[in-house]
C-alpha atoms as a PDB file:
ATOM      1  CA  MET A   1       6.597 -15.340  -2.729  1.00  0.00           C
ATOM      2  CA  ILE A   2       5.360 -12.088  -4.218  1.00  0.00           C
ATOM      3  CA  VAL A   3       3.294 -12.275  -7.396  1.00  0.00           C
ATOM      4  CA  THR A   4       2.155  -9.612  -9.855  1.00  0.00           C
ATOM      5  CA  ARG A   5      -1.562  -9.941 -10.579  1.00  0.00           C
ATOM      6  CA  GLU A   6      -4.448  -8.148 -12.206  1.00  0.00           C
ATOM      7  CA  LEU A   7      -6.514  -5.984  -9.880  1.00  0.00           C
ATOM      8  CA  PRO A   8      -9.376  -7.944  -8.310  1.00  0.00           C
ATOM      9  CA  PRO A   9     -12.822  -6.935  -9.649  1.00  0.00           C
ATOM     10  CA  ASP A  10     -13.753  -5.038  -6.465  1.00  0.00           C
ATOM     11  CA  ALA A  11     -10.406  -3.208  -6.073  1.00  0.00           C
ATOM     12  CA  LEU A  12     -10.676   0.505  -5.305  1.00  0.00           C
ATOM     13  CA  PRO A  13      -8.055   1.538  -7.944  1.00  0.00           C
ATOM     14  CA  HIS A  14     -10.351   0.503 -10.826  1.00  0.00           C
ATOM     15  CA  GLU A  15     -12.021   3.920 -10.869  1.00  0.00           C
ATOM     16  CA  ASP A  16      -8.663   5.683 -11.359  1.00  0.00           C
ATOM     17  CA  ARG A  17      -7.589   3.157 -13.984  1.00  0.00           C
ATOM     18  CA  GLU A  18     -10.763   3.901 -15.938  1.00  0.00           C
ATOM     19  CA  ARG A  19      -9.647   7.563 -15.967  1.00  0.00           C
ATOM     20  CA  GLY A  20      -6.288   6.642 -17.523  1.00  0.00           C
ATOM     21  CA  ALA A  21      -4.162   6.058 -14.432  1.00  0.00           C
ATOM     22  CA  SER A  22      -1.570   3.309 -14.223  1.00  0.00           C
ATOM     23  CA  ALA A  23      -2.276   0.795 -11.439  1.00  0.00           C
ATOM     24  CA  ASP A  24      -0.262  -2.233 -10.415  1.00  0.00           C
ATOM     25  CA  CYS A  25      -1.063  -5.100  -8.060  1.00  0.00           C
ATOM     26  CA  TYR A  26       1.309  -7.255  -6.016  1.00  0.00           C
ATOM     27  CA  THR A  27       0.229 -10.078  -3.724  1.00  0.00           C
ATOM     28  CA  THR A  28       1.615 -12.520  -1.232  1.00  0.00           C
ATOM     29  CA  ASP A  29      -0.169 -15.211   0.741  1.00  0.00           C
ATOM     30  CA  VAL A  30       0.406 -15.748   4.452  1.00  0.00           C
ATOM     31  CA  PRO A  31      -0.522 -18.908   6.399  1.00  0.00           C
ATOM     32  CA  LEU A  32      -2.824 -17.198   8.891  1.00  0.00           C
ATOM     33  CA  LEU A  33      -5.958 -15.073   8.988  1.00  0.00           C
ATOM     34  CA  VAL A  34      -5.077 -11.385   8.903  1.00  0.00           C
ATOM     35  CA  SER A  35      -7.465  -8.510   9.444  1.00  0.00           C
ATOM     36  CA  HIS A  36      -7.252  -5.468   7.222  1.00  0.00           C
ATOM     37  CA  ALA A  37      -6.318  -3.337  10.244  1.00  0.00           C
ATOM     38  CA  ALA A  38      -3.461  -5.688  11.179  1.00  0.00           C
ATOM     39  CA  TYR A  39      -2.138  -5.595   7.610  1.00  0.00           C
ATOM     40  CA  VAL A  40      -2.265  -1.795   7.314  1.00  0.00           C
ATOM     41  CA  GLU A  41      -0.503  -1.419  10.650  1.00  0.00           C
ATOM     42  CA  ALA A  42       2.168  -3.982   9.727  1.00  0.00           C
ATOM     43  CA  PHE A  43       2.723  -2.347   6.334  1.00  0.00           C
ATOM     44  CA  TYR A  44       3.208   1.188   7.645  1.00  0.00           C
ATOM     45  CA  THR A  45       5.298   0.097  10.661  1.00  0.00           C
ATOM     46  CA  SER A  46       7.578  -2.321   8.770  1.00  0.00           C
ATOM     47  CA  TRP A  47      11.301  -1.627   8.626  1.00  0.00           C
ATOM     48  CA  ALA A  48      11.053  -0.893   4.899  1.00  0.00           C
ATOM     49  CA  PHE A  49       8.288   1.659   5.223  1.00  0.00           C
ATOM     50  CA  LYS A  50       9.976   3.290   8.206  1.00  0.00           C
ATOM     51  CA  LEU A  51      12.815   4.187   5.823  1.00  0.00           C
ATOM     52  CA  GLU A  52      10.291   5.941   3.576  1.00  0.00           C
ATOM     53  CA  ARG A  53       8.764   7.680   6.585  1.00  0.00           C
ATOM     54  CA  PHE A  54      12.234   8.925   7.558  1.00  0.00           C
ATOM     55  CA  VAL A  55      12.801  10.333   4.068  1.00  0.00           C
ATOM     56  CA  LEU A  56       9.386  12.017   4.047  1.00  0.00           C
ATOM     57  CA  LYS A  57      10.022  13.599   7.422  1.00  0.00           C
ATOM     58  CA  TRP A  58      13.245  15.241   6.283  1.00  0.00           C
ATOM     59  CA  THR A  59      12.530  15.986   2.610  1.00  0.00           C
ATOM     60  CA  VAL A  60       8.920  17.226   2.627  1.00  0.00           C
ATOM     61  CA  ALA A  61       8.277  17.815   6.355  1.00  0.00           C
ATOM     62  CA  LYS A  62       5.694  14.994   6.592  1.00  0.00           C
ATOM     63  CA  PRO A  63       6.573  13.161   9.813  1.00  0.00           C
ATOM     64  CA  SER A  64       4.596  10.183  11.108  1.00  0.00           C
ATOM     65  CA  THR A  65       4.597   7.746  14.020  1.00  0.00           C
ATOM     66  CA  ASP A  66       3.774   4.094  14.607  1.00  0.00           C
ATOM     67  CA  ASP A  67       0.814   5.230  16.723  1.00  0.00           C
ATOM     68  CA  GLU A  68      -0.544   7.209  13.760  1.00  0.00           C
ATOM     69  CA  ALA A  69      -0.142   4.100  11.589  1.00  0.00           C
ATOM     70  CA  ARG A  70      -2.163   2.102  14.140  1.00  0.00           C
ATOM     71  CA  ARG A  71      -4.872   4.763  14.238  1.00  0.00           C
ATOM     72  CA  LEU A  72      -4.994   4.854  10.414  1.00  0.00           C
ATOM     73  CA  SER A  73      -5.351   1.062  10.362  1.00  0.00           C
ATOM     74  CA  ARG A  74      -8.340   1.246  12.708  1.00  0.00           C
ATOM     75  CA  GLY A  75     -10.023   4.017  10.711  1.00  0.00           C
ATOM     76  CA  GLU A  76      -9.410   6.631  13.410  1.00  0.00           C
ATOM     77  CA  LEU A  77      -7.210   8.806  11.158  1.00  0.00           C
ATOM     78  CA  ASP A  78      -7.695   9.841   7.554  1.00  0.00           C
ATOM     79  CA  ALA A  79      -4.231  11.375   7.103  1.00  0.00           C
ATOM     80  CA  PHE A  80      -0.870   9.700   7.594  1.00  0.00           C
ATOM     81  CA  ALA A  81       2.566  11.067   6.668  1.00  0.00           C
ATOM     82  CA  ALA A  82       2.244  12.286   3.060  1.00  0.00           C
ATOM     83  CA  TRP A  83      -1.106  10.558   2.403  1.00  0.00           C
ATOM     84  CA  THR A  84      -4.802  11.116   2.926  1.00  0.00           C
ATOM     85  CA  VAL A  85      -7.466   8.438   2.688  1.00  0.00           C
ATOM     86  CA  ASP A  86      -9.102   8.654  -0.736  1.00  0.00           C
ATOM     87  CA  ALA A  87     -11.483   5.697  -0.246  1.00  0.00           C
ATOM     88  CA  ARG A  88     -12.126   2.918   2.244  1.00  0.00           C
ATOM     89  CA  ALA A  89     -13.976  -0.380   2.155  1.00  0.00           C
ATOM     90  CA  ARG A  90     -14.232  -3.163   4.726  1.00  0.00           C
ATOM     91  CA  ASP A  91     -11.170  -4.978   3.374  1.00  0.00           C
ATOM     92  CA  GLN A  92      -9.173  -2.221   1.641  1.00  0.00           C
ATOM     93  CA  VAL A  93      -7.974   1.363   1.738  1.00  0.00           C
ATOM     94  CA  LEU A  94      -6.756   3.736  -0.968  1.00  0.00           C
ATOM     95  CA  LEU A  95      -4.567   6.684   0.038  1.00  0.00           C
ATOM     96  CA  VAL A  96      -3.580   9.642  -2.146  1.00  0.00           C
ATOM     97  CA  ASP A  97      -0.308  11.530  -1.724  1.00  0.00           C
ATOM     98  CA  PHE A  98      -0.245  15.240  -0.862  1.00  0.00           C
ATOM     99  CA  MET A  99       0.607  16.165  -4.471  1.00  0.00           C
ATOM    100  CA  ARG A 100      -2.276  13.986  -5.786  1.00  0.00           C
ATOM    101  CA  ARG A 101       0.065  12.184  -8.243  1.00  0.00           C
ATOM    102  CA  THR A 102       0.180   8.742  -6.661  1.00  0.00           C
ATOM    103  CA  LYS A 103      -2.061   6.531  -4.584  1.00  0.00           C
ATOM    104  CA  SER A 104      -1.278   3.520  -2.407  1.00  0.00           C
ATOM    105  CA  TRP A 105      -3.722   0.646  -2.083  1.00  0.00           C
ATOM    106  CA  LEU A 106      -3.812  -2.104   0.549  1.00  0.00           C
ATOM    107  CA  MET A 107      -6.315  -4.974   0.612  1.00  0.00           C
ATOM    108  CA  VAL A 108      -6.752  -8.361   2.298  1.00  0.00           C
ATOM    109  CA  ALA A 109      -8.727 -11.404   1.179  1.00  0.00           C
ATOM    110  CA  ALA A 110      -9.189 -14.627   3.116  1.00  0.00           C
ATOM    111  CA  LEU A 111      -8.299 -17.568   0.883  1.00  0.00           C
ATOM    112  CA  ASP A 112      -9.631 -20.193   3.290  1.00  0.00           C
ATOM    113  CA  ALA A 113      -9.926 -20.663   7.054  1.00  0.00           C
ATOM    114  CA  THR A 114      -6.174 -20.363   7.593  1.00  0.00           C
ATOM    115  CA  HIS A 115      -4.677 -18.255   4.755  1.00  0.00           C
ATOM    116  CA  THR A 116      -4.891 -14.611   3.713  1.00  0.00           C
ATOM    117  CA  ARG A 117      -3.829 -12.896   0.506  1.00  0.00           C
ATOM    118  CA  LEU A 118      -2.230  -9.486   1.058  1.00  0.00           C
ATOM    119  CA  TYR A 119      -2.546  -7.001  -1.818  1.00  0.00           C
ATOM    120  CA  PHE A 120      -0.478  -3.878  -2.422  1.00  0.00           C
ATOM    121  CA  GLY A 121      -0.660  -1.567  -5.372  1.00  0.00           C
ATOM    122  CA  THR A 122       0.269   1.876  -6.552  1.00  0.00           C
ATOM    123  CA  VAL A 123      -1.779   4.131  -8.770  1.00  0.00           C
ATOM    124  CA  ILE A 124       0.067   6.744 -10.818  1.00  0.00           C
ATOM    125  CA  MET A 125      -2.222   9.504 -11.967  1.00  0.00           C
ATOM    126  CA  PRO A 126      -1.783  10.604 -15.585  1.00  0.00           C
ATOM    127  CA  VAL A 127      -0.355  13.991 -16.495  1.00  0.00           C
ATOM    128  CA  ARG A 128      -2.548  15.996 -18.853  1.00  0.00           C
ATOM    129  CA  LYS A 129      -0.489  17.383 -21.720  1.00  0.00           C
ATOM    130  CA  LYS A 130      -1.378  20.160 -24.148  1.00  0.00           C
ATOM    131  CA  THR A 131      -1.098  17.713 -27.013  1.00  0.00           C
ATOM    132  CA  GLY A 132      -1.262  13.953 -27.143  1.00  0.00           C
ATOM    133  CA  PRO A 133      -2.763  11.508 -24.702  1.00  0.00           C
ATOM    134  CA  PRO A 134      -2.215  11.761 -20.937  1.00  0.00           C
ATOM    135  CA  SER A 135       0.716   9.747 -19.592  1.00  0.00           C
ATOM    136  CA  ILE A 136       2.431   9.002 -16.300  1.00  0.00           C
ATOM    137  CA  GLY A 137       5.290  11.301 -17.321  1.00  0.00           C
ATOM    138  CA  LEU A 138       8.979  10.753 -17.960  1.00  0.00           C
ATOM    139  CA  ALA A 139      10.080  10.854 -14.307  1.00  0.00           C
ATOM    140  CA  PHE A 140       7.652   8.152 -13.189  1.00  0.00           C
ATOM    141  CA  GLY A 141       8.418   6.105 -16.295  1.00  0.00           C
ATOM    142  CA  ALA A 142      12.152   6.257 -15.592  1.00  0.00           C
ATOM    143  CA  LEU A 143      11.650   5.214 -11.956  1.00  0.00           C
ATOM    144  CA  MET A 144       9.413   2.244 -12.813  1.00  0.00           C
ATOM    145  CA  PRO A 145      12.103  -0.488 -12.427  1.00  0.00           C
ATOM    146  CA  PHE A 146      12.956   0.853  -8.947  1.00  0.00           C
ATOM    147  CA  HIS A 147       9.257   1.132  -8.085  1.00  0.00           C
ATOM    148  CA  LYS A 148       8.603  -2.502  -9.013  1.00  0.00           C
ATOM    149  CA  ALA A 149      11.462  -3.751  -6.847  1.00  0.00           C
ATOM    150  CA  TYR A 150      10.548  -1.415  -3.979  1.00  0.00           C
ATOM    151  CA  SER A 151       6.900  -2.550  -4.066  1.00  0.00           C
ATOM    152  CA  ARG A 152       8.059  -6.135  -3.580  1.00  0.00           C
ATOM    153  CA  VAL A 153      10.296  -5.107  -0.681  1.00  0.00           C
ATOM    154  CA  LEU A 154       7.452  -3.210   1.022  1.00  0.00           C
ATOM    155  CA  LEU A 155       4.971  -6.065   0.673  1.00  0.00           C
ATOM    156  CA  GLY A 156       7.540  -8.642   1.766  1.00  0.00           C
ATOM    157  CA  ALA A 157       8.468  -6.589   4.840  1.00  0.00           C
ATOM    158  CA  ALA A 158       4.804  -6.249   5.835  1.00  0.00           C
ATOM    159  CA  ALA A 159       4.187  -9.993   5.407  1.00  0.00           C
ATOM    160  CA  ALA A 160       7.303 -10.798   7.446  1.00  0.00           C
ATOM    161  CA  ARG A 161       6.186  -8.435  10.218  1.00  0.00           C
ATOM    162  CA  ILE A 162       2.737 -10.072  10.336  1.00  0.00           C
ATOM    163  CA  THR A 163       4.209 -13.575  10.418  1.00  0.00           C
ATOM    164  CA  ARG A 164       6.777 -12.623  13.077  1.00  0.00           C
ATOM    165  CA  SER A 165       4.090 -10.990  15.258  1.00  0.00           C
ATOM    166  CA  ASP A 166       1.918 -14.098  14.986  1.00  0.00           C
ATOM    167  CA  ARG A 167       4.830 -16.360  16.005  1.00  0.00           C
ATOM    168  CA  GLN A 168       5.619 -14.111  18.992  1.00  0.00           C
ATOM    169  CA  LEU A 169       1.990 -14.137  20.061  1.00  0.00           C
ATOM    170  CA  ARG A 170       1.808 -17.937  19.848  1.00  0.00           C
ATOM    171  CA  SER A 171       5.044 -18.432  21.783  1.00  0.00           C
ATOM    172  CA  SER A 172       3.910 -16.123  24.587  1.00  0.00           C
ATOM    173  CA  ARG A 173       0.799 -18.232  25.284  1.00  0.00           C
END
């Protein structure tokens, strides 16, 4: 089950939100302990995100590989597809897109000895207008219903990949 939540107090997107950005937060809990590296790798190598990687390769010439996703997850790369690492912490990473309009945030938190909460969020940077307050803009506003559904698909695909990998590992022992 995927739930919309407030950002946790230590979430990296808070700084952008304080500057007027829009930031969302989706979570799902999995019945196993998951490292941040395993989550980042599963997220960026899931079937759902591979579709986005395909689109990025052909629309904006930003190709990426599963190996690059693994290296990003281990902190060995600071750039992946259309994103660059904006900030890192032990349990989370915040990546900014090449146009500096959006950011993606991934975080893990152990709930107990056998469960982990996976967090995913998007930050949309405000557009500065000549008059009036900054806003996310009409295009991002119009795409918000799609974005909300797509965020759930991405997080669900990552959680399913993690769970499937754990089952495969257990059955091979």
